[in-house]
């Protein structure tokens, strides 16, 4: 596969400094070499450059860095659109606000290909606040709401060329949802699998059902992997740790199933804060998970058909 690496060193959307070092840490942890070892053709496009910041004032006084995130979203959306032409873009964050731009860009590309875009959101949080409902004001909490066309972004974020259909979104691993987000998720029909659902059913059946929906629709699949999807004890380098996340085995299983599906067309790796890491272990884990998504096998399993024949 042809892969394009796009660095998006954004930290304006997070509550603390450090995410702007994320792309460098992922590169240092061997992302490009790993992709080449797996036989992929890799082009590293370097870092997105933010455009001009224009003054923006919103009624919600809690909002932080709104002009900066607007400017970043414009630049990242264009970079994502360009990088997704005849290639799989891998976006290195930066905080999760980069997905406002990455989703906008790849949704535009999918619409031109006349294929539906599906989104798998691997995160402790749904990031489904609007500019009105966020109490923290940290704009890494709004990208999924923006990209799916929720109201209230017009004039503050770039106009969306194409919105992602909410029924095409699956959030997996949630364990911190604000009341306003819960209401909005229920109202729009986003598929929500929190950690309780994973505990009750296992991650595989939940993910398999979503993969089958994407396949039957002939869809393209964007995967957005937030460090805080993972259990903090294995992935400490994130400013928004929530206990009880996905285990090492659950995370690798998720990635291997996604690889087996052959459906993933773009990927975000977000919220890595190297300043909070322990000797690069979280960056290394994110690269290892990407390797599983891109075809690294612990052992080559024989392919079995769904009918049960061997």
Protein backbone atom coordinates (compact mmCIF):
# COMPACT_ATOMS: atom_id res chain seq x y z
CA UNK A 1 0.00 0.00 0.00
CA UNK A 2 1.09 3.57 -0.57
CA UNK A 3 1.13 5.48 2.74
CA UNK A 4 1.54 9.20 3.27
CA UNK A 5 2.66 10.46 6.69
CA UNK A 6 1.28 13.86 7.70
CA UNK A 7 2.42 15.52 10.93
CA UNK A 8 -0.13 17.78 12.63
CA UNK A 9 1.69 19.25 15.66
CA UNK A 10 -1.33 20.81 17.34
CA UNK A 11 -1.58 21.32 21.09
CA UNK A 12 -3.98 24.28 21.16
CA UNK A 13 -6.98 21.96 21.58
CA UNK A 14 -5.69 20.20 24.70
CA UNK A 15 -5.65 21.34 28.30
CA UNK A 16 -1.90 21.07 28.66
CA UNK A 17 1.26 21.49 26.59
CA UNK A 18 3.19 18.69 24.94
CA UNK A 19 1.11 17.20 22.11
CA UNK A 20 2.95 19.25 19.52
CA UNK A 21 5.89 16.88 20.12
CA UNK A 22 3.72 13.87 19.23
CA UNK A 23 4.61 13.61 15.52
CA UNK A 24 8.35 13.70 16.30
CA UNK A 25 7.98 11.00 18.96
CA UNK A 26 6.06 8.70 16.62
CA UNK A 27 8.70 9.16 13.93
CA UNK A 28 11.47 8.58 16.50
CA UNK A 29 9.72 5.38 17.62
CA UNK A 30 10.23 4.01 14.11
CA UNK A 31 6.88 4.48 12.37
CA UNK A 32 8.30 4.99 8.87
CA UNK A 33 10.84 2.14 9.10
CA UNK A 34 8.12 -0.22 10.38
CA UNK A 35 5.82 0.58 7.44
CA UNK A 36 8.64 -0.01 4.98
CA UNK A 37 9.52 -3.33 6.65
CA UNK A 38 5.92 -4.43 6.10
CA UNK A 39 6.34 -3.72 2.40
CA UNK A 40 4.45 -0.46 2.16
CA UNK A 41 5.55 2.47 0.03
CA UNK A 42 5.98 5.45 2.36
CA UNK A 43 6.11 9.16 1.66
CA UNK A 44 6.61 11.45 4.66
CA UNK A 45 5.05 14.83 3.86
CA UNK A 46 6.47 16.50 6.97
CA UNK A 47 4.41 18.86 9.11
CA UNK A 48 1.26 20.79 8.27
CA UNK A 49 1.80 24.53 8.63
CA UNK A 50 -1.00 26.50 10.26
CA UNK A 51 -2.39 29.37 8.21
CA UNK A 52 -3.23 32.90 9.30
CA UNK A 53 -5.21 33.31 12.51
CA UNK A 54 -8.20 35.65 12.35
CA UNK A 55 -9.98 37.03 15.41
CA UNK A 56 -13.07 35.04 16.46
CA UNK A 57 -15.30 35.77 19.44
CA UNK A 58 -17.90 33.28 20.65
CA UNK A 59 -20.63 33.54 23.29
CA UNK A 60 -19.12 30.66 25.28
CA UNK A 61 -16.40 32.44 27.26
CA UNK A 62 -14.81 29.11 28.24
CA UNK A 63 -13.57 28.40 24.69
CA UNK A 64 -9.79 28.32 24.40
CA UNK A 65 -7.73 28.99 21.26
CA UNK A 66 -10.74 29.13 18.92
CA UNK A 67 -8.94 31.27 16.29
CA UNK A 68 -5.92 28.95 16.34
CA UNK A 69 -8.00 25.75 16.02
CA UNK A 70 -9.97 27.29 13.16
CA UNK A 71 -6.72 28.06 11.32
CA UNK A 72 -5.34 24.57 12.01
CA UNK A 73 -8.55 22.95 10.78
CA UNK A 74 -8.37 24.83 7.47
CA UNK A 75 -4.77 23.72 6.90
CA UNK A 76 -5.23 20.10 8.05
CA UNK A 77 -8.41 19.60 6.00
CA UNK A 78 -6.58 20.63 2.83
CA UNK A 79 -3.56 18.49 3.70
CA UNK A 80 -5.82 15.50 4.40
CA UNK A 81 -7.67 15.91 1.12
CA UNK A 82 -4.42 16.08 -0.84
CA UNK A 83 -2.70 13.23 1.04
CA UNK A 84 -5.68 10.89 0.53
CA UNK A 85 -5.42 10.92 -3.26
CA UNK A 86 -4.49 7.34 -4.29
CA UNK A 87 -2.85 6.68 -0.89
CA UNK A 88 -3.61 5.94 2.75
CA UNK A 89 -2.81 8.99 4.87
CA UNK A 90 -1.58 8.48 8.44
CA UNK A 91 -1.99 11.63 10.48
CA UNK A 92 0.34 12.11 13.44
CA UNK A 93 -1.11 14.31 16.17
CA UNK A 94 -1.23 16.55 17.96
CA UNK A 95 -4.33 16.57 20.10
CA UNK A 96 -7.68 15.22 18.89
CA UNK A 97 -8.74 18.59 17.47
CA UNK A 98 -6.73 17.59 14.36
CA UNK A 99 -9.59 15.23 13.46
CA UNK A 100 -11.83 18.18 12.66
CA UNK A 101 -9.49 18.70 9.72
CA UNK A 102 -8.60 15.08 8.89
CA UNK A 103 -12.25 13.99 8.79
CA UNK A 104 -13.26 17.00 6.72
CA UNK A 105 -10.53 16.25 4.17
CA UNK A 106 -11.10 12.50 3.84
CA UNK A 107 -14.91 12.93 3.78
CA UNK A 108 -14.49 15.24 0.79
CA UNK A 109 -12.29 12.61 -0.89
CA UNK A 110 -14.82 9.82 -0.17
CA UNK A 111 -17.68 11.90 -1.59
CA UNK A 112 -15.72 12.43 -4.82
CA UNK A 113 -15.19 8.66 -5.00
CA UNK A 114 -18.96 8.25 -4.42
CA UNK A 115 -18.32 5.99 -1.45
CA UNK A 116 -19.70 6.43 2.08
CA UNK A 117 -17.18 7.31 4.76
CA UNK A 118 -17.38 5.41 8.05
CA UNK A 119 -15.49 6.41 11.20
CA UNK A 120 -14.20 4.21 14.03
CA UNK A 121 -13.48 6.45 17.03
CA UNK A 122 -11.20 4.67 19.52
CA UNK A 123 -11.26 6.95 22.53
CA UNK A 124 -12.21 7.29 26.20
CA UNK A 125 -14.27 10.35 25.18
CA UNK A 126 -16.73 10.83 22.30
CA UNK A 127 -15.48 14.38 21.56
CA UNK A 128 -19.08 15.21 20.66
CA UNK A 129 -19.41 18.62 22.28
CA UNK A 130 -20.46 21.66 20.30
CA UNK A 131 -18.96 25.09 20.87
CA UNK A 132 -21.97 25.88 23.07
CA UNK A 133 -21.92 22.74 25.25
CA UNK A 134 -18.22 22.38 26.14
CA UNK A 135 -17.60 23.46 29.72
CA UNK A 136 -13.82 22.96 29.66
CA UNK A 137 -13.46 24.98 26.46
CA UNK A 138 -10.75 22.59 25.24
CA UNK A 139 -11.48 22.11 21.55
CA UNK A 140 -10.12 18.57 21.34
CA UNK A 141 -13.60 17.78 22.70
CA UNK A 142 -15.52 18.90 19.58
CA UNK A 143 -14.07 17.36 16.38
CA UNK A 144 -16.54 14.49 15.97
CA UNK A 145 -19.51 16.79 16.50
CA UNK A 146 -18.12 19.24 13.94
CA UNK A 147 -17.30 16.61 11.33
CA UNK A 148 -20.75 15.05 11.61
CA UNK A 149 -22.46 18.37 10.90
CA UNK A 150 -23.76 19.28 14.37
CA UNK A 151 -25.10 22.87 14.53
CA UNK A 152 -23.29 25.85 15.97
CA UNK A 153 -19.94 25.69 14.15
CA UNK A 154 -20.83 27.96 11.21
CA UNK A 155 -18.70 31.09 11.15
CA UNK A 156 -16.32 29.71 13.80
CA UNK A 157 -14.97 26.59 12.09
CA UNK A 158 -14.47 26.21 8.33
CA UNK A 159 -17.56 25.30 6.33
CA UNK A 160 -17.73 21.52 5.90
CA UNK A 161 -17.58 20.36 2.26
CA UNK A 162 -19.23 17.08 3.31
CA UNK A 163 -20.48 15.97 6.73
CA UNK A 164 -19.95 12.44 8.01
CA UNK A 165 -23.29 10.66 8.42
CA UNK A 166 -23.68 10.09 12.21
CA UNK A 167 -25.07 6.58 11.65
CA UNK A 168 -21.73 5.75 9.98
CA UNK A 169 -19.79 6.53 13.19
CA UNK A 170 -18.87 3.93 15.81
CA UNK A 171 -17.31 5.06 19.10
CA UNK A 172 -15.48 2.26 20.92
CA UNK A 173 -13.96 2.28 24.40
CA UNK A 174 -15.85 5.25 25.85
CA UNK A 175 -15.73 5.73 29.60
CA UNK A 176 -16.08 9.48 30.10
CA UNK A 177 -19.19 11.06 28.54
CA UNK A 178 -20.69 14.40 29.55
CA UNK A 179 -24.52 14.68 29.76
CA UNK A 180 -24.75 17.01 26.74
CA UNK A 181 -22.68 14.57 24.67
CA UNK A 182 -24.79 11.60 25.79
CA UNK A 183 -27.96 13.38 24.67
CA UNK A 184 -26.44 14.36 21.32
CA UNK A 185 -25.10 10.84 20.65
CA UNK A 186 -28.53 9.33 21.34
CA UNK A 187 -30.25 11.95 19.21
CA UNK A 188 -28.02 11.49 16.15
CA UNK A 189 -27.75 7.71 16.07
CA UNK A 190 -23.99 7.33 16.55
CA UNK A 191 -23.10 3.75 17.56
CA UNK A 192 -21.77 3.86 21.12
CA UNK A 193 -19.83 0.97 22.67
CA UNK A 194 -18.53 1.97 26.08
CA UNK A 195 -16.18 -0.11 28.22
CA UNK A 196 -19.13 -1.81 29.90
CA UNK A 197 -20.28 -3.12 26.51
CA UNK A 198 -16.74 -4.36 25.85
CA UNK A 199 -16.68 -6.05 29.27
CA UNK A 200 -20.04 -7.70 28.65
CA UNK A 201 -19.68 -8.78 25.04
CA UNK A 202 -15.96 -8.68 24.25
CA UNK A 203 -14.45 -6.26 21.76
CA UNK A 204 -14.47 -8.65 18.78
CA UNK A 205 -18.25 -9.07 18.23
CA UNK A 206 -18.85 -5.32 18.62
CA UNK A 207 -16.15 -4.43 16.12
CA UNK A 208 -17.09 -7.27 13.73
CA UNK A 209 -20.68 -5.99 13.46
CA UNK A 210 -19.43 -2.51 12.53
CA UNK A 211 -16.87 -3.86 10.04
CA UNK A 212 -19.63 -5.87 8.35
CA UNK A 213 -21.74 -2.71 8.01
CA UNK A 214 -18.84 -0.86 6.38
CA UNK A 215 -18.15 -3.78 4.01
CA UNK A 216 -21.78 -4.19 2.96
CA UNK A 217 -22.02 -0.46 2.16
CA UNK A 218 -18.80 -0.48 0.12
CA UNK A 219 -17.51 2.15 2.52
CA UNK A 220 -14.17 3.74 3.24
CA UNK A 221 -13.09 3.56 6.88
CA UNK A 222 -11.28 6.26 8.84
CA UNK A 223 -9.81 5.08 12.16
CA UNK A 224 -9.06 7.66 14.85
CA UNK A 225 -6.90 6.22 17.65
CA UNK A 226 -6.57 8.32 20.79
CA UNK A 227 -3.89 7.29 23.30
CA UNK A 228 -6.53 7.42 26.05
CA UNK A 229 -8.44 4.56 24.38
CA UNK A 230 -5.77 2.46 26.09
CA UNK A 231 -5.40 1.54 29.75
CA UNK A 232 -3.19 4.30 31.28
CA UNK A 233 -0.87 1.76 32.89
CA UNK A 234 0.30 0.68 29.41
CA UNK A 235 0.02 4.10 27.76
CA UNK A 236 0.80 6.87 30.27
CA UNK A 237 1.68 9.60 27.75
CA UNK A 238 -1.69 11.36 27.62
CA UNK A 239 -3.06 14.38 29.45
CA UNK A 240 -6.58 12.93 29.77
CA UNK A 241 -6.00 9.58 31.50
CA UNK A 242 -9.16 7.66 32.39
CA UNK A 243 -8.68 4.34 34.21
CA UNK A 244 -10.16 1.15 32.79
CA UNK A 245 -9.21 1.45 29.14
CA UNK A 246 -8.55 -1.15 26.47
CA UNK A 247 -5.91 -3.71 27.34
CA UNK A 248 -2.82 -4.46 25.28
CA UNK A 249 -4.52 -7.57 23.89
CA UNK A 250 -7.84 -5.84 23.14
CA UNK A 251 -6.03 -3.04 21.31
CA UNK A 252 -3.96 -5.40 19.17
CA UNK A 253 -7.01 -7.54 18.40
CA UNK A 254 -8.84 -4.42 17.25
CA UNK A 255 -5.99 -3.52 14.91
CA UNK A 256 -5.60 -7.06 13.54
CA UNK A 257 -9.33 -7.28 12.80
CA UNK A 258 -9.17 -3.94 11.02
CA UNK A 259 -6.25 -5.17 8.92
CA UNK A 260 -8.12 -8.38 8.07
CA UNK A 261 -11.10 -6.31 6.91
CA UNK A 262 -9.05 -4.51 4.25
CA UNK A 263 -11.33 -1.49 4.70
CA UNK A 264 -9.15 1.11 6.46
CA UNK A 265 -8.34 4.04 4.17
CA UNK A 266 -7.02 6.63 6.66
CA UNK A 267 -5.72 6.78 10.23
CA UNK A 268 -5.27 9.33 13.04
CA UNK A 269 -2.79 8.76 15.88
CA UNK A 270 -3.61 11.45 18.44
CA UNK A 271 -3.09 12.80 21.95
CA UNK A 272 0.43 11.42 22.40
CA UNK A 273 2.14 13.76 24.85
CA UNK A 274 5.82 12.68 24.97
CA UNK A 275 6.43 14.98 27.94
CA UNK A 276 4.28 12.58 30.00
CA UNK A 277 5.77 9.37 28.58
CA UNK A 278 8.16 6.90 30.22
CA UNK A 279 11.19 6.34 27.97
CA UNK A 280 9.02 6.40 24.86
CA UNK A 281 6.92 3.38 25.80
CA UNK A 282 3.60 4.93 24.71
CA UNK A 283 5.03 6.11 21.38
CA UNK A 284 6.44 2.62 20.81
CA UNK A 285 3.08 1.03 21.63
CA UNK A 286 1.28 3.34 19.20
CA UNK A 287 3.75 2.34 16.47
CA UNK A 288 3.28 -1.35 17.34
CA UNK A 289 -0.51 -0.98 17.14
CA UNK A 290 -0.14 0.74 13.78
CA UNK A 291 2.00 -2.22 12.67
CA UNK A 292 -0.84 -4.60 13.57
CA UNK A 293 -3.26 -2.41 11.62
CA UNK A 294 -0.91 -2.46 8.61
CA UNK A 295 -0.31 -6.20 8.52
CA UNK A 296 2.26 -7.30 11.07
CA UNK A 297 1.27 -10.75 12.31
CA UNK A 298 2.27 -12.48 15.50
CA UNK A 299 1.67 -15.65 13.52
CA UNK A 300 0.05 -16.24 10.18
CA UNK A 301 -3.38 -17.62 10.91
CA UNK A 302 -5.08 -19.82 8.33
CA UNK A 303 -8.05 -18.10 6.75
CA UNK A 304 -11.40 -19.60 7.64
CA UNK A 305 -14.70 -18.86 5.95
CA UNK A 306 -17.71 -17.71 7.98
CA UNK A 307 -19.45 -21.00 7.12
CA UNK A 308 -17.08 -22.79 9.46
CA UNK A 309 -15.33 -24.87 6.80
CA UNK A 310 -11.57 -25.22 7.23
